[in-house]
Amino acid sequence: MNNYKGDVIEESLKDKEVLKEFDIISTRVEKVTDEHQTPWLSQWTLDTIKVAENEAESLAEKLSKALDPEHGWYIDYRNEKYHYVIFKDKVFKLDRSKKSNYDEMIKYGLSIGTPDYQLPNFADLPIDVLEDFLKEANLNTYANKNAKKASPFRSGSSDYHFEKGDLIFHDTYFGSTKFVGEEIVYKNGKSAWGMNYYGFTLNNEINEGLYDAILRPALMSGSGDNIPVRGPKEFMNGEWKYTFKVDGDLANFTGLEEIFKDGEVACRLYCHGGFIE
């Protein structure tokens, strides 16, 4: 059965009893910023839900009735083929391969006051497809000490390359204890998503050995609740501690990665990225 997956902001619901009918995979609380354009809230609670294919239509109708009528809230969930976008008393079932379906939904969302940047958009590379691909690519490139390097794209660069279907992942970087790099995902030969990063050690006694001691194990452990661009929120290995804080989603994000030894920061990395158009 082709299940659906999505997020529900609990504060968007006037009747939260409807949540009892859903399979909630995880719950997280996020601080609200000015960019969210929801000044009446200081934080919100996001439930990641799984919806069975045979219940997607009926549960969408129930969510539509349960939504708070103010502020242009919506809820969405999707599978590989269809995307439900649910407003108060209005449900759109979108064919993910048809841009025209999204145009109609966006027009309606704007008409009821939903901010343009918050509305889901048609994408040649949907976020959930990108997310699954990046998880696999990350485990088969730099994070994996057994992964073979690719031929360098540029003079002096170190490169990793991974392909699956019509998607290609390429990571190229320069340096060792002070390093800069870029990851690009191509779809059908065209750049679609990317991330830039810069990292450096803060102690002259720290060498590349720390990457095998903590960085690679942390990255190989998966991203956990984070978006799959680096590692989990926290990872421990003996005297080493890894943390990664990220703001945003795969469409547009910034991140800070830090490695600690005996409680002191030994290495720091800044990154940012998103879709390329």
Protein backbone atom coordinates (compact mmCIF):
# COMPACT_ATOMS: atom_id res chain seq x y z
CA MET A 1 0.00 0.00 0.00
CA ASN A 2 1.39 3.42 -1.02
CA ASN A 3 1.10 5.37 2.24
CA TYR A 4 1.15 9.14 2.55
CA LYS A 5 3.40 11.17 4.83
CA GLY A 6 3.20 14.77 6.00
CA ASP A 7 3.24 17.20 8.92
CA VAL A 8 0.46 18.69 11.02
CA ILE A 9 0.96 21.85 13.07
CA GLU A 10 -1.19 21.19 16.13
CA GLU A 11 -1.78 24.92 16.65
CA SER A 12 -3.50 25.06 13.24
CA LEU A 13 -6.33 22.84 14.50
CA LYS A 14 -9.44 24.14 16.18
CA ASP A 15 -10.39 20.55 17.04
CA LYS A 16 -7.30 18.52 18.01
CA GLU A 17 -9.36 15.38 18.68
CA VAL A 18 -8.97 14.53 14.99
CA LEU A 19 -5.30 13.67 15.64
CA LYS A 20 -6.41 10.51 17.45
CA GLU A 21 -7.30 9.05 14.05
CA PHE A 22 -3.74 9.40 12.70
CA ASP A 23 -0.57 7.36 13.01
CA ILE A 24 1.84 9.96 14.47
CA ILE A 25 5.42 8.96 13.67
CA SER A 26 7.16 11.74 15.60
CA THR A 27 6.51 15.06 17.31
CA ARG A 28 8.79 18.07 17.57
CA VAL A 29 8.45 21.64 18.89
CA GLU A 30 9.92 24.51 16.87
CA LYS A 31 10.48 28.12 17.84
CA VAL A 32 8.56 30.55 15.63
CA THR A 33 10.61 33.27 13.91
CA ASP A 34 9.57 36.45 12.08
CA GLU A 35 9.94 34.58 8.78
CA HIS A 36 7.04 32.29 9.71
CA GLN A 37 4.68 35.30 9.76
CA THR A 38 2.73 33.89 12.72
CA PRO A 39 3.24 36.58 15.43
CA TRP A 40 0.38 35.17 17.51
CA LEU A 41 2.54 32.10 18.29
CA SER A 42 5.93 31.79 20.03
CA GLN A 43 6.34 28.13 19.05
CA TRP A 44 4.46 25.39 17.28
CA THR A 45 4.15 21.64 17.59
CA LEU A 46 4.68 19.54 14.46
CA ASP A 47 3.40 15.98 14.23
CA THR A 48 4.75 13.88 11.37
CA ILE A 49 1.91 11.61 10.28
CA LYS A 50 1.53 8.50 8.15
CA VAL A 51 -1.76 8.03 6.29
CA ALA A 52 -2.89 4.79 4.65
CA GLU A 53 -3.74 5.14 0.98
CA ASN A 54 -7.32 3.91 1.48
CA GLU A 55 -7.92 6.51 4.21
CA ALA A 56 -6.28 9.52 2.60
CA GLU A 57 -9.50 10.99 1.17
CA SER A 58 -11.70 10.57 4.26
CA LEU A 59 -9.04 11.82 6.69
CA ALA A 60 -8.37 14.85 4.49
CA GLU A 61 -12.04 15.81 4.82
CA LYS A 62 -11.88 15.41 8.60
CA LEU A 63 -8.77 17.58 8.83
CA SER A 64 -10.41 20.19 6.63
CA LYS A 65 -13.31 20.46 9.07
CA ALA A 66 -10.98 20.53 12.10
CA LEU A 67 -8.72 23.37 10.88
CA ASP A 68 -8.86 26.79 12.51
CA PRO A 69 -10.61 29.09 9.99
CA GLU A 70 -8.27 32.01 10.72
CA HIS A 71 -4.79 32.78 9.36
CA GLY A 72 -4.93 30.67 6.16
CA TRP A 73 -3.67 27.43 7.73
CA TYR A 74 -3.24 24.32 5.63
CA ILE A 75 -2.06 20.73 6.12
CA ASP A 76 -0.51 18.52 3.46
CA TYR A 77 0.62 14.94 2.97
CA ARG A 78 1.89 13.11 -0.08
CA ASN A 79 3.06 9.87 -1.58
CA GLU A 80 5.01 9.30 -4.79
CA LYS A 81 2.02 10.07 -7.03
CA TYR A 82 -0.45 12.34 -5.23
CA HIS A 83 -0.28 15.31 -2.88
CA TYR A 84 -3.17 16.32 -0.62
CA VAL A 85 -3.25 20.01 0.36
CA ILE A 86 -5.97 20.67 2.91
CA PHE A 87 -7.45 24.06 3.75
CA LYS A 88 -10.44 24.87 5.91
CA ASP A 89 -13.44 23.31 4.07
CA LYS A 90 -11.39 22.85 0.90
CA VAL A 91 -9.29 19.83 -0.15
CA PHE A 92 -6.99 19.61 -3.17
CA LYS A 93 -5.77 16.23 -4.42
CA LEU A 94 -2.88 17.09 -6.69
CA ASP A 95 -1.24 14.96 -9.33
CA ARG A 96 2.44 15.52 -8.54
CA SER A 97 3.36 15.31 -12.22
CA LYS A 98 1.09 18.23 -13.25
CA LYS A 99 2.15 21.82 -12.56
CA SER A 100 -1.36 23.09 -13.42
CA ASN A 101 -2.75 21.28 -10.36
CA TYR A 102 -0.41 23.27 -8.13
CA ASP A 103 -1.21 26.57 -9.83
CA GLU A 104 -4.90 26.25 -8.90
CA MET A 105 -4.12 25.33 -5.29
CA ILE A 106 -1.65 28.21 -4.88
CA LYS A 107 -4.18 30.69 -6.27
CA TYR A 108 -6.73 29.51 -3.70
CA GLY A 109 -4.22 29.61 -0.83
CA LEU A 110 -3.23 33.17 -1.62
CA SER A 111 -6.89 34.19 -1.78
CA ILE A 112 -7.44 33.14 1.85
CA GLY A 113 -4.26 34.77 3.17
CA THR A 114 -1.70 31.95 3.20
CA PRO A 115 1.78 33.49 2.66
CA ASP A 116 3.17 32.67 -0.77
CA TYR A 117 6.45 31.22 0.52
CA GLN A 118 4.61 28.79 2.82
CA LEU A 119 2.53 27.16 0.09
CA PRO A 120 3.82 23.90 -1.42
CA ASN A 121 5.05 24.28 -4.96
CA PHE A 122 5.33 21.97 -7.92
CA ALA A 123 8.84 20.56 -8.17
CA ASP A 124 10.62 18.46 -10.75
CA LEU A 125 12.48 17.12 -7.71
CA PRO A 126 10.02 16.74 -4.79
CA ILE A 127 11.54 17.18 -1.32
CA ASP A 128 10.63 13.67 -0.18
CA VAL A 129 12.37 12.15 -3.23
CA LEU A 130 15.41 14.37 -2.62
CA GLU A 131 15.42 13.43 1.08
CA ASP A 132 15.51 9.70 0.37
CA PHE A 133 18.21 10.15 -2.27
CA LEU A 134 20.44 12.29 -0.02
CA LYS A 135 20.21 9.74 2.81
CA GLU A 136 21.51 7.06 0.48
CA ALA A 137 24.11 9.30 -1.18
CA ASN A 138 25.53 10.41 2.17
CA LEU A 139 26.09 6.81 3.25
CA ASN A 140 27.94 6.01 0.04
CA THR A 141 30.32 8.96 -0.24
CA TYR A 142 32.57 10.86 2.21
CA ALA A 143 30.92 9.53 5.40
CA ASN A 144 31.81 5.99 4.38
CA LYS A 145 35.56 5.50 4.84
CA ASN A 146 35.41 2.62 2.34
CA ALA A 147 33.89 4.78 -0.40
CA LYS A 148 36.25 5.43 -3.30
CA LYS A 149 36.95 8.98 -4.40
CA ALA A 150 35.93 10.07 -7.88
CA SER A 151 38.15 11.80 -10.39
CA PRO A 152 38.65 15.44 -9.31
CA PHE A 153 36.40 18.00 -10.98
CA ARG A 154 38.88 20.83 -10.33
CA SER A 155 42.61 21.13 -9.81
CA GLY A 156 43.45 20.08 -6.24
CA SER A 157 39.95 18.99 -5.26
CA SER A 158 38.77 15.82 -3.53
CA ASP A 159 35.55 14.41 -4.99
CA TYR A 160 32.86 11.83 -4.33
CA HIS A 161 30.16 10.74 -6.78
CA PHE A 162 26.94 8.74 -6.38
CA GLU A 163 24.19 7.96 -8.90
CA LYS A 164 20.74 6.39 -8.69
CA GLY A 165 18.12 6.51 -11.42
CA ASP A 166 17.94 9.99 -12.91
CA LEU A 167 19.69 11.59 -9.90
CA ILE A 168 23.41 12.27 -9.43
CA PHE A 169 25.14 13.49 -6.25
CA HIS A 170 28.59 15.07 -6.47
CA ASP A 171 30.63 16.39 -3.55
CA THR A 172 33.83 18.34 -4.20
CA TYR A 173 36.02 19.97 -1.55
CA PHE A 174 39.45 21.47 -0.90
CA GLY A 175 41.66 21.33 2.17
CA SER A 176 41.80 19.14 5.27
CA THR A 177 41.87 20.89 8.66
CA LYS A 178 40.57 24.02 6.95
CA PHE A 179 38.29 23.03 4.10
CA VAL A 180 35.63 24.38 1.77
CA GLY A 181 33.29 22.43 -0.46
CA GLU A 182 30.09 22.06 -2.38
CA GLU A 183 27.54 19.33 -2.94
CA ILE A 184 25.30 19.32 -6.01
CA VAL A 185 22.38 17.06 -6.92
CA TYR A 186 21.63 16.77 -10.63
CA LYS A 187 18.35 15.54 -12.10
CA ASN A 188 18.49 14.41 -15.71
CA GLY A 189 21.83 16.19 -16.07
CA LYS A 190 20.60 19.55 -14.72
CA SER A 191 21.65 21.00 -11.35
CA ALA A 192 18.63 20.92 -9.03
CA TRP A 193 19.87 21.27 -5.44
CA GLY A 194 23.08 22.25 -3.72
CA MET A 195 24.91 22.95 -0.47
CA ASN A 196 28.06 24.97 0.29
CA TYR A 197 30.13 24.38 3.42
CA TYR A 198 33.25 25.66 5.18
CA GLY A 199 34.88 23.89 8.12
CA PHE A 200 37.97 24.42 10.26
CA THR A 201 39.71 23.07 13.34
CA LEU A 202 40.15 25.40 16.32
CA ASN A 203 43.15 23.65 17.83
CA ASN A 204 46.46 23.27 16.01
CA GLU A 205 46.96 19.91 17.69
CA ILE A 206 43.83 18.51 16.02
CA ASN A 207 44.49 16.72 12.73
CA GLU A 208 42.49 14.78 10.15
CA GLY A 209 42.31 11.84 12.56
CA LEU A 210 39.35 13.46 14.28
CA TYR A 211 37.26 12.86 11.15
CA ASP A 212 37.66 9.11 11.45
CA ALA A 213 37.24 9.28 15.23
CA ILE A 214 33.95 11.22 15.30
CA LEU A 215 32.85 12.92 12.06
CA ARG A 216 32.52 9.89 9.81
CA PRO A 217 30.86 7.74 12.53
CA ALA A 218 28.41 10.58 13.23
CA LEU A 219 27.53 11.01 9.55
CA MET A 220 27.20 7.24 9.05
CA SER A 221 24.73 7.10 11.96
CA GLY A 222 22.24 9.02 9.79
CA SER A 223 20.63 12.43 10.17
CA GLY A 224 18.01 11.40 12.74
CA ASP A 225 15.38 14.15 13.07
CA ASN A 226 17.53 16.58 11.07
CA ILE A 227 17.21 17.08 7.35
CA PRO A 228 19.73 14.75 5.63
CA VAL A 229 22.50 17.21 4.85
CA ARG A 230 24.94 16.32 7.65
CA GLY A 231 24.53 14.23 10.82
CA PRO A 232 22.10 13.94 13.75
CA LYS A 233 21.46 16.60 16.38
CA GLU A 234 23.94 14.86 18.69
CA PHE A 235 26.31 11.90 18.54
CA MET A 236 28.83 10.65 21.11
CA ASN A 237 31.93 8.49 20.63
CA GLY A 238 34.22 8.22 23.66
CA GLU A 239 35.80 11.60 24.44
CA TRP A 240 34.25 13.06 21.28
CA LYS A 241 30.86 14.72 20.84
CA TYR A 242 29.23 15.77 17.55
CA THR A 243 26.34 18.24 17.20
CA PHE A 244 24.50 19.66 14.20
CA LYS A 245 21.92 22.44 14.41
CA VAL A 246 19.95 23.27 11.28
CA ASP A 247 17.28 25.88 10.48
CA GLY A 248 14.89 25.49 7.55
CA ASP A 249 14.23 22.54 5.26
CA LEU A 250 15.87 21.09 2.18
CA ALA A 251 14.40 23.88 0.05
CA ASN A 252 16.32 26.57 1.99
CA PHE A 253 18.47 25.98 5.08
CA THR A 254 21.47 27.02 7.15
CA GLY A 255 23.40 24.79 9.55
CA LEU A 256 26.12 24.76 12.20
CA GLU A 257 28.13 21.60 12.90
CA GLU A 258 30.48 21.36 15.88
CA ILE A 259 32.82 18.66 17.17
CA PHE A 260 33.83 18.70 20.83
CA LYS A 261 36.75 16.98 22.59
CA ASP A 262 36.50 16.79 26.37
CA GLY A 263 33.82 19.49 26.30
CA GLU A 264 35.74 22.01 24.16
CA VAL A 265 34.98 22.82 20.52
CA ALA A 266 37.64 21.25 18.31
CA CYS A 267 36.07 21.75 14.86
CA ARG A 268 33.28 23.89 13.44
CA LEU A 269 31.48 23.83 10.08
CA TYR A 270 28.98 26.26 8.56
CA CYS A 271 26.71 25.24 5.69
CA HIS A 272 23.75 26.52 3.70
CA GLY A 273 21.85 25.41 0.65
CA GLY A 274 18.60 24.68 -1.12
CA PHE A 275 16.99 24.24 -4.51
CA ILE A 276 18.64 25.63 -7.64
CA GLU A 277 16.51 27.25 -10.33
